[in-house]
PDB file of N, CA and C in Angstrom:
ATOM      1  N   MET A   1       2.874 -17.104  -8.115  1.00  0.00           N
ATOM      2  CA  MET A   1       3.851 -16.173  -6.597  1.00  0.00           C
ATOM      3  C   MET A   1       3.910 -14.627  -7.839  1.00  0.00           C
ATOM      4  N   LYS A   2       4.052 -13.591  -6.838  1.00  0.00           N
ATOM      5  CA  LYS A   2       4.420 -12.587  -8.380  1.00  0.00           C
ATOM      6  C   LYS A   2       6.384 -12.197  -6.931  1.00  0.00           C
ATOM      7  N   VAL A   3       6.863 -12.371  -8.504  1.00  0.00           N
ATOM      8  CA  VAL A   3       7.695 -11.532  -7.259  1.00  0.00           C
ATOM      9  C   VAL A   3       8.102  -9.838  -7.898  1.00  0.00           C
ATOM     10  N   LEU A   4       8.664  -8.982  -6.744  1.00  0.00           N
ATOM     11  CA  LEU A   4       9.653  -8.129  -7.072  1.00  0.00           C
ATOM     12  C   LEU A   4      11.086  -8.729  -7.233  1.00  0.00           C
ATOM     13  N   LEU A   5      11.481  -7.653  -8.089  1.00  0.00           N
ATOM     14  CA  LEU A   5      13.320  -8.058  -7.926  1.00  0.00           C
ATOM     15  C   LEU A   5      13.465  -5.982  -8.098  1.00  0.00           C
ATOM     16  N   VAL A   6      14.645  -5.271  -7.014  1.00  0.00           N
ATOM     17  CA  VAL A   6      15.246  -4.286  -6.704  1.00  0.00           C
ATOM     18  C   VAL A   6      16.605  -4.359  -7.077  1.00  0.00           C
ATOM     19  N   TYR A   7      17.170  -3.596  -7.345  1.00  0.00           N
ATOM     20  CA  TYR A   7      18.336  -3.252  -7.263  1.00  0.00           C
ATOM     21  C   TYR A   7      18.374  -1.557  -6.833  1.00  0.00           C
ATOM     22  N   PRO A   8      19.356  -1.457  -5.674  1.00  0.00           N
ATOM     23  CA  PRO A   8      19.088  -0.380  -5.003  1.00  0.00           C
ATOM     24  C   PRO A   8      20.436   0.739  -5.399  1.00  0.00           C
ATOM     25  N   GLN A   9      20.076   1.645  -4.852  1.00  0.00           N
ATOM     26  CA  GLN A   9      20.722   3.164  -5.619  1.00  0.00           C
ATOM     27  C   GLN A   9      22.075   2.796  -5.372  1.00  0.00           C
ATOM     28  N   PHE A  10      22.981   3.150  -6.611  1.00  0.00           N
ATOM     29  CA  PHE A  10      24.076   4.846  -5.571  1.00  0.00           C
ATOM     30  C   PHE A  10      23.985   5.426  -5.032  1.00  0.00           C
ATOM     31  N   PRO A  11      24.977   5.570  -3.946  1.00  0.00           N
ATOM     32  CA  PRO A  11      24.858   7.022  -3.692  1.00  0.00           C
ATOM     33  C   PRO A  11      26.171   7.501  -4.561  1.00  0.00           C
ATOM     34  N   VAL A  12      25.948   9.264  -4.617  1.00  0.00           N
ATOM     35  CA  VAL A  12      26.276  10.092  -5.866  1.00  0.00           C
ATOM     36  C   VAL A  12      27.792   9.427  -5.229  1.00  0.00           C
ATOM     37  N   THR A  13      28.517   8.817  -5.749  1.00  0.00           N
ATOM     38  CA  THR A  13      30.506   8.634  -6.177  1.00  0.00           C
ATOM     39  C   THR A  13      31.270   8.576  -7.314  1.00  0.00           C
ATOM     40  N   PHE A  14      31.930   8.063  -6.836  1.00  0.00           N
ATOM     41  CA  PHE A  14      32.442   7.470  -8.185  1.00  0.00           C
ATOM     42  C   PHE A  14      31.547   6.919  -9.048  1.00  0.00           C
ATOM     43  N   TRP A  15      31.779   6.073  -8.279  1.00  0.00           N
ATOM     44  CA  TRP A  15      30.963   3.889  -8.164  1.00  0.00           C
ATOM     45  C   TRP A  15      29.921   4.294  -9.633  1.00  0.00           C
ATOM     46  N   GLY A  16      28.681   6.121  -8.757  1.00  0.00           N
ATOM     47  CA  GLY A  16      27.397   5.713  -9.255  1.00  0.00           C
ATOM     48  C   GLY A  16      27.118   5.799 -10.861  1.00  0.00           C
ATOM     49  N   PHE A  17      28.531   6.664 -11.231  1.00  0.00           N
ATOM     50  CA  PHE A  17      28.451   7.023 -13.147  1.00  0.00           C
ATOM     51  C   PHE A  17      27.697   8.624 -12.810  1.00  0.00           C
ATOM     52  N   LYS A  18      26.674   8.824 -11.733  1.00  0.00           N
ATOM     53  CA  LYS A  18      25.461   9.783 -12.014  1.00  0.00           C
ATOM     54  C   LYS A  18      26.259  11.327 -12.778  1.00  0.00           C
ATOM     55  N   TYR A  19      26.146  11.803 -12.786  1.00  0.00           N
ATOM     56  CA  TYR A  19      26.723  13.367 -13.747  1.00  0.00           C
ATOM     57  C   TYR A  19      27.062  12.198 -14.272  1.00  0.00           C
ATOM     58  N   ALA A  20      28.027  12.042 -14.985  1.00  0.00           N
ATOM     59  CA  ALA A  20      29.100  11.045 -16.269  1.00  0.00           C
ATOM     60  C   ALA A  20      28.417  10.337 -16.754  1.00  0.00           C
ATOM     61  N   LEU A  21      27.137   9.927 -17.241  1.00  0.00           N
ATOM     62  CA  LEU A  21      26.738   9.589 -17.571  1.00  0.00           C
ATOM     63  C   LEU A  21      25.897   9.917 -18.617  1.00  0.00           C
ATOM     64  N   LYS A  22      25.673  12.005 -18.235  1.00  0.00           N
ATOM     65  CA  LYS A  22      24.783  12.160 -19.273  1.00  0.00           C
ATOM     66  C   LYS A  22      25.738  13.084 -20.216  1.00  0.00           C
ATOM     67  N   PHE A  23      26.851  12.365 -20.129  1.00  0.00           N
ATOM     68  CA  PHE A  23      27.582  12.782 -21.085  1.00  0.00           C
ATOM     69  C   PHE A  23      27.713  12.040 -22.238  1.00  0.00           C
ATOM     70  N   ILE A  24      26.985  10.429 -21.768  1.00  0.00           N
ATOM     71  CA  ILE A  24      27.277   9.091 -22.922  1.00  0.00           C
ATOM     72  C   ILE A  24      25.792   8.828 -23.396  1.00  0.00           C
ATOM     73  N   SER A  25      24.438   9.873 -22.722  1.00  0.00           N
ATOM     74  CA  SER A  25      23.368   9.644 -22.971  1.00  0.00           C
ATOM     75  C   SER A  25      22.937   8.952 -22.115  1.00  0.00           C
ATOM     76  N   ARG A  26      23.140   7.834 -21.112  1.00  0.00           N
ATOM     77  CA  ARG A  26      22.886   7.067 -20.977  1.00  0.00           C
ATOM     78  C   ARG A  26      22.203   6.917 -18.896  1.00  0.00           C
ATOM     79  N   LYS A  27      21.206   6.050 -18.047  1.00  0.00           N
ATOM     80  CA  LYS A  27      20.347   5.851 -17.182  1.00  0.00           C
ATOM     81  C   LYS A  27      21.091   5.477 -15.942  1.00  0.00           C
ATOM     82  N   SER A  28      22.377   4.325 -17.170  1.00  0.00           N
ATOM     83  CA  SER A  28      22.609   3.748 -16.357  1.00  0.00           C
ATOM     84  C   SER A  28      24.331   2.740 -16.251  1.00  0.00           C
ATOM     85  N   ALA A  29      25.005   3.005 -15.731  1.00  0.00           N
ATOM     86  CA  ALA A  29      26.501   2.615 -16.073  1.00  0.00           C
ATOM     87  C   ALA A  29      26.412   0.917 -16.818  1.00  0.00           C
ATOM     88  N   SER A  30      25.762  -0.200 -16.629  1.00  0.00           N
ATOM     89  CA  SER A  30      26.054  -1.235 -16.120  1.00  0.00           C
ATOM     90  C   SER A  30      24.494  -2.035 -16.206  1.00  0.00           C
ATOM     91  N   PRO A  31      24.425  -2.589 -16.313  1.00  0.00           N
ATOM     92  CA  PRO A  31      22.516  -3.297 -16.112  1.00  0.00           C
ATOM     93  C   PRO A  31      22.549  -4.832 -15.077  1.00  0.00           C
ATOM     94  N   PRO A  32      21.704  -4.919 -13.747  1.00  0.00           N
ATOM     95  CA  PRO A  32      22.219  -5.369 -13.598  1.00  0.00           C
ATOM     96  C   PRO A  32      22.370  -7.501 -13.484  1.00  0.00           C
ATOM     97  N   LEU A  33      23.087  -7.263 -13.930  1.00  0.00           N
ATOM     98  CA  LEU A  33      23.097  -8.951 -14.168  1.00  0.00           C
ATOM     99  C   LEU A  33      22.216  -9.855 -13.320  1.00  0.00           C
ATOM    100  N   GLY A  34      23.788  -9.594 -11.871  1.00  0.00           N
ATOM    101  CA  GLY A  34      22.839 -10.787 -11.974  1.00  0.00           C
ATOM    102  C   GLY A  34      21.257 -11.050 -11.256  1.00  0.00           C
ATOM    103  N   LEU A  35      20.597 -10.263 -10.595  1.00  0.00           N
ATOM    104  CA  LEU A  35      18.887  -9.974 -10.655  1.00  0.00           C
ATOM    105  C   LEU A  35      18.190 -10.604 -11.641  1.00  0.00           C
ATOM    106  N   LEU A  36      18.686  -9.831 -13.430  1.00  0.00           N
ATOM    107  CA  LEU A  36      18.318 -10.183 -14.061  1.00  0.00           C
ATOM    108  C   LEU A  36      18.504 -11.922 -14.270  1.00  0.00           C
ATOM    109  N   THR A  37      19.822 -12.771 -14.220  1.00  0.00           N
ATOM    110  CA  THR A  37      19.273 -13.752 -13.870  1.00  0.00           C
ATOM    111  C   THR A  37      18.779 -14.682 -13.286  1.00  0.00           C
ATOM    112  N   ILE A  38      18.590 -14.262 -12.677  1.00  0.00           N
ATOM    113  CA  ILE A  38      17.684 -15.106 -11.329  1.00  0.00           C
ATOM    114  C   ILE A  38      15.996 -15.173 -12.138  1.00  0.00           C
ATOM    115  N   ALA A  39      16.255 -13.523 -12.284  1.00  0.00           N
ATOM    116  CA  ALA A  39      13.760 -12.639 -12.665  1.00  0.00           C
ATOM    117  C   ALA A  39      14.785 -14.549 -13.815  1.00  0.00           C
ATOM    118  N   ALA A  40      15.787 -15.136 -14.924  1.00  0.00           N
ATOM    119  CA  ALA A  40      15.429 -15.437 -16.130  1.00  0.00           C
ATOM    120  C   ALA A  40      15.029 -16.733 -15.559  1.00  0.00           C
ATOM    121  N   MET A  41      15.535 -17.421 -14.410  1.00  0.00           N
ATOM    122  CA  MET A  41      15.515 -18.202 -13.314  1.00  0.00           C
ATOM    123  C   MET A  41      14.312 -19.519 -12.394  1.00  0.00           C
ATOM    124  N   LEU A  42      13.510 -17.742 -12.665  1.00  0.00           N
ATOM    125  CA  LEU A  42      12.439 -18.213 -12.257  1.00  0.00           C
ATOM    126  C   LEU A  42      11.501 -19.049 -12.566  1.00  0.00           C
ATOM    127  N   PRO A  43      10.844 -19.555 -12.267  1.00  0.00           N
ATOM    128  CA  PRO A  43       9.370 -20.034 -13.028  1.00  0.00           C
ATOM    129  C   PRO A  43       8.871 -19.341 -14.246  1.00  0.00           C
ATOM    130  N   GLU A  44       8.300 -20.111 -15.382  1.00  0.00           N
ATOM    131  CA  GLU A  44       8.602 -18.839 -16.112  1.00  0.00           C
ATOM    132  C   GLU A  44       6.749 -18.248 -15.958  1.00  0.00           C
ATOM    133  N   GLU A  45       5.638 -18.922 -15.573  1.00  0.00           N
ATOM    134  CA  GLU A  45       4.781 -18.808 -15.212  1.00  0.00           C
ATOM    135  C   GLU A  45       4.361 -17.626 -13.602  1.00  0.00           C
ATOM    136  N   TRP A  46       5.579 -17.165 -13.121  1.00  0.00           N
ATOM    137  CA  TRP A  46       5.651 -16.230 -11.917  1.00  0.00           C
ATOM    138  C   TRP A  46       5.196 -15.284 -12.642  1.00  0.00           C
ATOM    139  N   GLU A  47       4.594 -14.048 -12.419  1.00  0.00           N
ATOM    140  CA  GLU A  47       5.130 -12.163 -12.244  1.00  0.00           C
ATOM    141  C   GLU A  47       6.505 -11.864 -11.519  1.00  0.00           C
ATOM    142  N   LYS A  48       6.820 -11.248 -12.782  1.00  0.00           N
ATOM    143  CA  LYS A  48       8.327 -10.354 -12.106  1.00  0.00           C
ATOM    144  C   LYS A  48       7.936  -9.333 -12.701  1.00  0.00           C
ATOM    145  N   HIS A  49       8.702  -7.843 -11.533  1.00  0.00           N
ATOM    146  CA  HIS A  49       8.350  -7.084 -12.106  1.00  0.00           C
ATOM    147  C   HIS A  49      10.288  -6.075 -11.606  1.00  0.00           C
ATOM    148  N   PHE A  50      10.331  -5.430 -11.936  1.00  0.00           N
ATOM    149  CA  PHE A  50      11.591  -5.165 -11.531  1.00  0.00           C
ATOM    150  C   PHE A  50      12.455  -3.331 -11.663  1.00  0.00           C
ATOM    151  N   ILE A  51      12.706  -3.096 -10.885  1.00  0.00           N
ATOM    152  CA  ILE A  51      13.012  -1.994 -10.726  1.00  0.00           C
ATOM    153  C   ILE A  51      14.274  -1.869 -10.216  1.00  0.00           C
ATOM    154  N   ASP A  52      15.709  -1.201 -11.200  1.00  0.00           N
ATOM    155  CA  ASP A  52      17.105  -0.379 -10.920  1.00  0.00           C
ATOM    156  C   ASP A  52      16.029   1.306  -9.900  1.00  0.00           C
ATOM    157  N   MET A  53      16.759   1.124  -8.584  1.00  0.00           N
ATOM    158  CA  MET A  53      16.270   2.229  -8.611  1.00  0.00           C
ATOM    159  C   MET A  53      17.040   3.806  -9.239  1.00  0.00           C
ATOM    160  N   ASN A  54      18.540   3.393 -10.374  1.00  0.00           N
ATOM    161  CA  ASN A  54      19.108   4.262 -10.378  1.00  0.00           C
ATOM    162  C   ASN A  54      18.092   4.691 -11.590  1.00  0.00           C
ATOM    163  N   THR A  55      17.435   3.964 -12.046  1.00  0.00           N
ATOM    164  CA  THR A  55      16.491   4.520 -12.781  1.00  0.00           C
ATOM    165  C   THR A  55      15.291   4.773 -12.674  1.00  0.00           C
ATOM    166  N   SER A  56      14.500   4.686 -12.236  1.00  0.00           N
ATOM    167  CA  SER A  56      12.839   4.384 -11.887  1.00  0.00           C
ATOM    168  C   SER A  56      13.287   4.432  -9.950  1.00  0.00           C
ATOM    169  N   ARG A  57      11.302   5.107  -9.972  1.00  0.00           N
ATOM    170  CA  ARG A  57      11.571   5.055  -8.482  1.00  0.00           C
ATOM    171  C   ARG A  57      10.771   4.206  -7.796  1.00  0.00           C
ATOM    172  N   LEU A  58      10.829   2.856  -6.875  1.00  0.00           N
ATOM    173  CA  LEU A  58      10.704   1.710  -6.204  1.00  0.00           C
ATOM    174  C   LEU A  58       8.996   2.783  -5.227  1.00  0.00           C
ATOM    175  N   LYS A  59       7.801   2.281  -5.637  1.00  0.00           N
ATOM    176  CA  LYS A  59       6.739   2.917  -5.319  1.00  0.00           C
ATOM    177  C   LYS A  59       6.647   1.489  -4.069  1.00  0.00           C
ATOM    178  N   ASP A  60       5.273   2.467  -2.814  1.00  0.00           N
ATOM    179  CA  ASP A  60       4.292   1.163  -2.028  1.00  0.00           C
ATOM    180  C   ASP A  60       3.920   0.364  -3.351  1.00  0.00           C
ATOM    181  N   LYS A  61       3.360   0.407  -3.893  1.00  0.00           N
ATOM    182  CA  LYS A  61       1.873   0.152  -5.058  1.00  0.00           C
ATOM    183  C   LYS A  61       3.748  -1.715  -5.482  1.00  0.00           C
ATOM    184  N   HIS A  62       4.519  -0.772  -5.408  1.00  0.00           N
ATOM    185  CA  HIS A  62       4.811  -2.100  -6.147  1.00  0.00           C
ATOM    186  C   HIS A  62       5.003  -2.863  -5.262  1.00  0.00           C
ATOM    187  N   ILE A  63       5.240  -2.896  -4.108  1.00  0.00           N
ATOM    188  CA  ILE A  63       6.216  -4.027  -3.087  1.00  0.00           C
ATOM    189  C   ILE A  63       4.765  -3.910  -2.122  1.00  0.00           C
ATOM    190  N   ARG A  64       3.880  -3.905  -2.023  1.00  0.00           N
ATOM    191  CA  ARG A  64       2.698  -4.369  -1.608  1.00  0.00           C
ATOM    192  C   ARG A  64       1.602  -5.390  -3.174  1.00  0.00           C
ATOM    193  N   TRP A  65       2.155  -5.507  -4.260  1.00  0.00           N
ATOM    194  CA  TRP A  65       2.641  -6.512  -5.128  1.00  0.00           C
ATOM    195  C   TRP A  65       2.492  -7.539  -5.541  1.00  0.00           C
ATOM    196  N   ALA A  66       3.725  -7.334  -4.616  1.00  0.00           N
ATOM    197  CA  ALA A  66       4.846  -8.079  -4.773  1.00  0.00           C
ATOM    198  C   ALA A  66       4.018  -9.234  -3.265  1.00  0.00           C
ATOM    199  N   ASP A  67       4.386 -10.896  -3.426  1.00  0.00           N
ATOM    200  CA  ASP A  67       4.714 -12.071  -2.526  1.00  0.00           C
ATOM    201  C   ASP A  67       5.762 -12.088  -2.344  1.00  0.00           C
ATOM    202  N   TYR A  68       7.039 -11.704  -2.626  1.00  0.00           N
ATOM    203  CA  TYR A  68       7.997 -11.826  -2.936  1.00  0.00           C
ATOM    204  C   TYR A  68       8.849 -10.397  -2.982  1.00  0.00           C
ATOM    205  N   VAL A  69      10.271  -9.881  -2.247  1.00  0.00           N
ATOM    206  CA  VAL A  69      11.328  -8.767  -3.233  1.00  0.00           C
ATOM    207  C   VAL A  69      12.452 -10.273  -2.811  1.00  0.00           C
ATOM    208  N   PHE A  70      12.855  -9.537  -3.807  1.00  0.00           N
ATOM    209  CA  PHE A  70      14.378  -9.943  -4.293  1.00  0.00           C
ATOM    210  C   PHE A  70      14.676  -9.020  -4.960  1.00  0.00           C
ATOM    211  N   ILE A  71      16.233  -8.834  -3.379  1.00  0.00           N
ATOM    212  CA  ILE A  71      17.117  -7.868  -3.635  1.00  0.00           C
ATOM    213  C   ILE A  71      18.470  -8.580  -3.886  1.00  0.00           C
ATOM    214  N   SER A  72      19.369  -7.275  -4.378  1.00  0.00           N
ATOM    215  CA  SER A  72      20.546  -8.056  -4.524  1.00  0.00           C
ATOM    216  C   SER A  72      21.489  -6.514  -4.274  1.00  0.00           C
ATOM    217  N   GLY A  73      23.122  -6.323  -4.306  1.00  0.00           N
ATOM    218  CA  GLY A  73      23.257  -5.492  -4.690  1.00  0.00           C
ATOM    219  C   GLY A  73      24.880  -5.247  -3.478  1.00  0.00           C
ATOM    220  N   MET A  74      25.599  -4.220  -4.309  1.00  0.00           N
ATOM    221  CA  MET A  74      26.624  -3.711  -4.157  1.00  0.00           C
ATOM    222  C   MET A  74      27.445  -3.804  -2.337  1.00  0.00           C
ATOM    223  N   ALA A  75      28.293  -3.433  -1.865  1.00  0.00           N
ATOM    224  CA  ALA A  75      29.187  -2.905  -0.773  1.00  0.00           C
ATOM    225  C   ALA A  75      28.049  -1.064  -0.611  1.00  0.00           C
ATOM    226  N   LEU A  76      28.110  -0.846  -1.653  1.00  0.00           N
ATOM    227  CA  LEU A  76      28.039   0.592  -1.810  1.00  0.00           C
ATOM    228  C   LEU A  76      26.350   0.785  -2.037  1.00  0.00           C
ATOM    229  N   GLN A  77      26.178  -0.265  -2.083  1.00  0.00           N
ATOM    230  CA  GLN A  77      24.581   0.270  -2.274  1.00  0.00           C
ATOM    231  C   GLN A  77      23.708  -0.025  -0.014  1.00  0.00           C
ATOM    232  N   ARG A  78      24.582   0.028   0.764  1.00  0.00           N
ATOM    233  CA  ARG A  78      24.494  -0.580   2.153  1.00  0.00           C
ATOM    234  C   ARG A  78      23.223   0.102   1.569  1.00  0.00           C
ATOM    235  N   ARG A  79      23.449   1.420   1.866  1.00  0.00           N
ATOM    236  CA  ARG A  79      22.306   2.301   2.749  1.00  0.00           C
ATOM    237  C   ARG A  79      20.961   2.072   1.930  1.00  0.00           C
ATOM    238  N   SER A  80      21.631   2.360   1.087  1.00  0.00           N
ATOM    239  CA  SER A  80      19.618   1.694   0.148  1.00  0.00           C
ATOM    240  C   SER A  80      18.615   0.960   0.399  1.00  0.00           C
ATOM    241  N   ALA A  81      19.773   0.009   0.376  1.00  0.00           N
ATOM    242  CA  ALA A  81      19.203  -1.279   0.740  1.00  0.00           C
ATOM    243  C   ALA A  81      18.739  -2.279   1.823  1.00  0.00           C
ATOM    244  N   ARG A  82      19.172  -1.095   2.981  1.00  0.00           N
ATOM    245  CA  ARG A  82      18.601  -1.070   3.983  1.00  0.00           C
ATOM    246  C   ARG A  82      17.596  -0.856   4.784  1.00  0.00           C
ATOM    247  N   GLU A  83      16.997   0.079   3.527  1.00  0.00           N
ATOM    248  CA  GLU A  83      15.621   1.215   3.233  1.00  0.00           C
ATOM    249  C   GLU A  83      14.918   0.710   2.746  1.00  0.00           C
ATOM    250  N   VAL A  84      14.522   0.082   1.319  1.00  0.00           N
ATOM    251  CA  VAL A  84      14.394  -1.303   0.666  1.00  0.00           C
ATOM    252  C   VAL A  84      14.360  -2.614   0.723  1.00  0.00           C
ATOM    253  N   ILE A  85      14.665  -2.828   2.305  1.00  0.00           N
ATOM    254  CA  ILE A  85      14.130  -4.109   3.091  1.00  0.00           C
ATOM    255  C   ILE A  85      13.645  -3.033   4.434  1.00  0.00           C
ATOM    256  N   GLU A  86      13.642  -2.591   5.330  1.00  0.00           N
ATOM    257  CA  GLU A  86      13.316  -1.405   6.592  1.00  0.00           C
ATOM    258  C   GLU A  86      11.290  -1.051   5.654  1.00  0.00           C
ATOM    259  N   ARG A  87      11.464  -0.966   3.956  1.00  0.00           N
ATOM    260  CA  ARG A  87       9.585  -0.617   3.734  1.00  0.00           C
ATOM    261  C   ARG A  87       9.279  -1.820   2.907  1.00  0.00           C
ATOM    262  N   CYS A  88      10.536  -2.903   2.411  1.00  0.00           N
ATOM    263  CA  CYS A  88       8.937  -4.116   2.782  1.00  0.00           C
ATOM    264  C   CYS A  88       9.147  -5.166   3.599  1.00  0.00           C
ATOM    265  N   LYS A  89       9.490  -4.569   5.457  1.00  0.00           N
ATOM    266  CA  LYS A  89       9.578  -5.202   5.322  1.00  0.00           C
ATOM    267  C   LYS A  89       8.347  -4.297   7.005  1.00  0.00           C
ATOM    268  N   ALA A  90       7.499  -3.159   6.031  1.00  0.00           N
ATOM    269  CA  ALA A  90       6.103  -2.576   7.659  1.00  0.00           C
ATOM    270  C   ALA A  90       5.505  -2.539   5.940  1.00  0.00           C
ATOM    271  N   PHE A  91       5.597  -3.732   5.151  1.00  0.00           N
ATOM    272  CA  PHE A  91       4.345  -4.068   4.473  1.00  0.00           C
ATOM    273  C   PHE A  91       4.149  -6.146   4.461  1.00  0.00           C
ATOM    274  N   GLY A  92       4.872  -6.415   5.838  1.00  0.00           N
ATOM    275  CA  GLY A  92       4.699  -7.858   5.851  1.00  0.00           C
ATOM    276  C   GLY A  92       5.626  -7.976   4.374  1.00  0.00           C
ATOM    277  N   LYS A  93       6.487  -7.500   3.735  1.00  0.00           N
ATOM    278  CA  LYS A  93       6.866  -9.123   2.826  1.00  0.00           C
ATOM    279  C   LYS A  93       8.566  -9.215   2.541  1.00  0.00           C
ATOM    280  N   LYS A  94       8.266 -11.383   2.664  1.00  0.00           N
ATOM    281  CA  LYS A  94       9.379 -11.769   2.268  1.00  0.00           C
ATOM    282  C   LYS A  94       9.680 -11.169   1.587  1.00  0.00           C
ATOM    283  N   ILE A  95      11.641 -11.630   1.930  1.00  0.00           N
ATOM    284  CA  ILE A  95      12.230 -10.658   1.629  1.00  0.00           C
ATOM    285  C   ILE A  95      14.182 -11.167   0.875  1.00  0.00           C
ATOM    286  N   VAL A  96      14.663 -12.130   0.177  1.00  0.00           N
ATOM    287  CA  VAL A  96      14.738 -12.965  -0.553  1.00  0.00           C
ATOM    288  C   VAL A  96      16.092 -12.012  -1.146  1.00  0.00           C
ATOM    289  N   ALA A  97      17.588 -12.027  -0.297  1.00  0.00           N
ATOM    290  CA  ALA A  97      18.992 -11.142  -0.983  1.00  0.00           C
ATOM    291  C   ALA A  97      19.952 -12.206  -1.128  1.00  0.00           C
ATOM    292  N   GLY A  98      20.535 -11.253  -1.967  1.00  0.00           N
ATOM    293  CA  GLY A  98      21.711 -11.856  -2.592  1.00  0.00           C
ATOM    294  C   GLY A  98      22.754 -11.275  -3.288  1.00  0.00           C
ATOM    295  N   GLY A  99      24.138 -11.674  -3.530  1.00  0.00           N
ATOM    296  CA  GLY A  99      24.857 -10.540  -4.221  1.00  0.00           C
ATOM    297  C   GLY A  99      25.771  -9.951  -3.157  1.00  0.00           C
ATOM    298  N   PRO A 100      26.975 -10.132  -3.545  1.00  0.00           N
ATOM    299  CA  PRO A 100      27.949  -8.852  -3.142  1.00  0.00           C
ATOM    300  C   PRO A 100      27.925  -8.485  -1.475  1.00  0.00           C
ATOM    301  N   LEU A 101      27.421  -7.500  -2.052  1.00  0.00           N
ATOM    302  CA  LEU A 101      26.868  -7.147   0.075  1.00  0.00           C
ATOM    303  C   LEU A 101      26.328  -8.262   1.023  1.00  0.00           C
ATOM    304  N   PHE A 102      25.202  -9.049   0.439  1.00  0.00           N
ATOM    305  CA  PHE A 102      24.759 -10.576   1.045  1.00  0.00           C
ATOM    306  C   PHE A 102      25.791 -11.020   1.602  1.00  0.00           C
ATOM    307  N   THR A 103      26.248 -11.417   1.033  1.00  0.00           N
ATOM    308  CA  THR A 103      27.431 -11.791   1.056  1.00  0.00           C
ATOM    309  C   THR A 103      29.198 -11.713   1.551  1.00  0.00           C
ATOM    310  N   ILE A 104      29.560 -10.926   1.478  1.00  0.00           N
ATOM    311  CA  ILE A 104      30.193  -9.764   2.627  1.00  0.00           C
ATOM    312  C   ILE A 104      29.973  -9.499   4.122  1.00  0.00           C
ATOM    313  N   GLU A 105      29.023  -8.718   4.078  1.00  0.00           N
ATOM    314  CA  GLU A 105      28.835  -8.218   4.842  1.00  0.00           C
ATOM    315  C   GLU A 105      26.778  -9.035   5.825  1.00  0.00           C
ATOM    316  N   PRO A 106      26.662  -9.921   5.775  1.00  0.00           N
ATOM    317  CA  PRO A 106      26.059 -10.747   5.795  1.00  0.00           C
ATOM    318  C   PRO A 106      25.289 -10.318   7.673  1.00  0.00           C
ATOM    319  N   GLU A 107      26.671 -10.005   8.260  1.00  0.00           N
ATOM    320  CA  GLU A 107      26.855  -9.654  10.145  1.00  0.00           C
ATOM    321  C   GLU A 107      25.493  -8.338   9.644  1.00  0.00           C
ATOM    322  N   ILE A 108      25.003  -7.557   8.925  1.00  0.00           N
ATOM    323  CA  ILE A 108      24.986  -6.718   9.090  1.00  0.00           C
ATOM    324  C   ILE A 108      23.360  -6.716   8.915  1.00  0.00           C
ATOM    325  N   PHE A 109      23.291  -7.804   8.878  1.00  0.00           N
ATOM    326  CA  PHE A 109      21.949  -7.528   8.516  1.00  0.00           C
ATOM    327  C   PHE A 109      20.859  -8.881   9.492  1.00  0.00           C
ATOM    328  N   ALA A 110      21.200  -8.977  10.863  1.00  0.00           N
ATOM    329  CA  ALA A 110      21.556 -10.383  11.678  1.00  0.00           C
ATOM    330  C   ALA A 110      20.727  -9.493  11.994  1.00  0.00           C
ATOM    331  N   GLY A 111      19.188 -10.110  12.494  1.00  0.00           N
ATOM    332  CA  GLY A 111      17.673 -10.245  13.017  1.00  0.00           C
ATOM    333  C   GLY A 111      17.198 -10.074  11.915  1.00  0.00           C
ATOM    334  N   SER A 112      16.644  -9.671  10.693  1.00  0.00           N
ATOM    335  CA  SER A 112      16.296  -9.798   9.754  1.00  0.00           C
ATOM    336  C   SER A 112      15.456 -10.447   9.309  1.00  0.00           C
ATOM    337  N   THR A 113      14.305 -10.367   8.823  1.00  0.00           N
ATOM    338  CA  THR A 113      13.459 -11.943   8.023  1.00  0.00           C
ATOM    339  C   THR A 113      14.318 -11.208   6.639  1.00  0.00           C
ATOM    340  N   LEU A 114      15.258 -12.643   6.389  1.00  0.00           N
ATOM    341  CA  LEU A 114      15.848 -11.609   5.212  1.00  0.00           C
ATOM    342  C   LEU A 114      16.116 -13.050   4.854  1.00  0.00           C
ATOM    343  N   GLU A 115      15.875 -14.204   3.934  1.00  0.00           N
ATOM    344  CA  GLU A 115      16.540 -15.114   3.393  1.00  0.00           C
ATOM    345  C   GLU A 115      17.980 -15.111   2.536  1.00  0.00           C
ATOM    346  N   ILE A 116      19.361 -14.912   2.308  1.00  0.00           N
ATOM    347  CA  ILE A 116      20.006 -14.560   2.145  1.00  0.00           C
ATOM    348  C   ILE A 116      21.182 -15.979   2.222  1.00  0.00           C
ATOM    349  N   GLY A 117      21.101 -15.510   0.367  1.00  0.00           N
ATOM    350  CA  GLY A 117      21.817 -16.736  -0.506  1.00  0.00           C
ATOM    351  C   GLY A 117      22.388 -16.573  -1.289  1.00  0.00           C
TER     352      GLY A 117
END
C-alpha cells in the first residue's frame, strides 16, 4: 500500500508566517503533527511519502504514485485543500481527510469522494 500524506498550503496571511520565517531561517512555523502521527500509526510495511505544501511542491507524480491520499488541514487552508482534493480526484485517487478543517466544515466537502474521519 502506498500512502501520500499532504498538508495544504497556507495563504499569505499572518498565520502563514511566510515573510516572518525568513528572519529565523525556517521554512515552516510548526510541523503538521497530526499527519505525522497518522503516518507513524500506519503499518510499517506500507510505503509513505509526506508533502508539506508550505515547504515543498506537490507534483502530479506524487499523486499518481499513491494508492491513497491522506490530507489534513485547518480552516485557513481550505482553498489549498480543495485544490489538492480536485487534483487527486482527477487521478481517481481515494482520499482520507481529517483534522480541524474537515471536522468543523464537513458540509463544504459534501458529495466529495472523501472518507472524513
